[in-house]
């Protein structure tokens, strides 16, 4: 098992954002968490990456507990998060943004190799290397955020709402790239409000409602589930 989340409870003050969810990811999988705003999806990602502390429950990565592990150490262990809203460094160039993603690494040869791999997935970034991040389009900024996330050579990539604010044609492009990244051997935990797109690329999915797992299963089964269609697919 690559990642195991067991009975996770997370609160913001008096607000119980996550209420006892459990799920897992096997090596090589794309697993998606879908649900409405406020369902606890982003909170779950932030807890896995060490930015939030759980009140109860456990997060285990390759058999090692992450419950008290600082975020930098979690990156070194092989988990990288691409945050909601991209959070690129707008005044830094594309190259500098990507290099920031490799801050835990020292081998310059390996960092250069990773840059080339990022350019294979995102050729547009290579054309804009000396441009400031803030001057890129929304789609290019999302590509930059994902490229930066890949620079630490993660085993598990956490993607938080990668389609947010993008035109439909760009959403398709981003999801094609997500599948390519997975095909190259990176496991992915995908949080996404666009349930149809998320389930079309995922192997398995979990539907979160008010901080709890309401449904889980094979992605195709969830796509065809009448409850999921009515609530999240507009059918």
Foldseek 3Di string as FASTA:
>chain_A
DFKWWFQFWFADVPATQAGTAIDDDDFLFEEEEEEDPSLNRQVVVCCQLAVGATPDTFMAGPNHTCRPPHNVVSLLVFEFEQDPVRPFDQAAFLQVSLVVLQVVDDDPVVLVVLVVVLCVLVVVSVVRRRPGLNVDDPLVSLSSSVSSRCSSVGLEYEYEASCPPHDPVSSVSVLVSVLVVSVVGRYYYYYHLQLVSSLVRGQWYFYGGSNYTPDIDGSVVLVVDPVCCVPRVVD
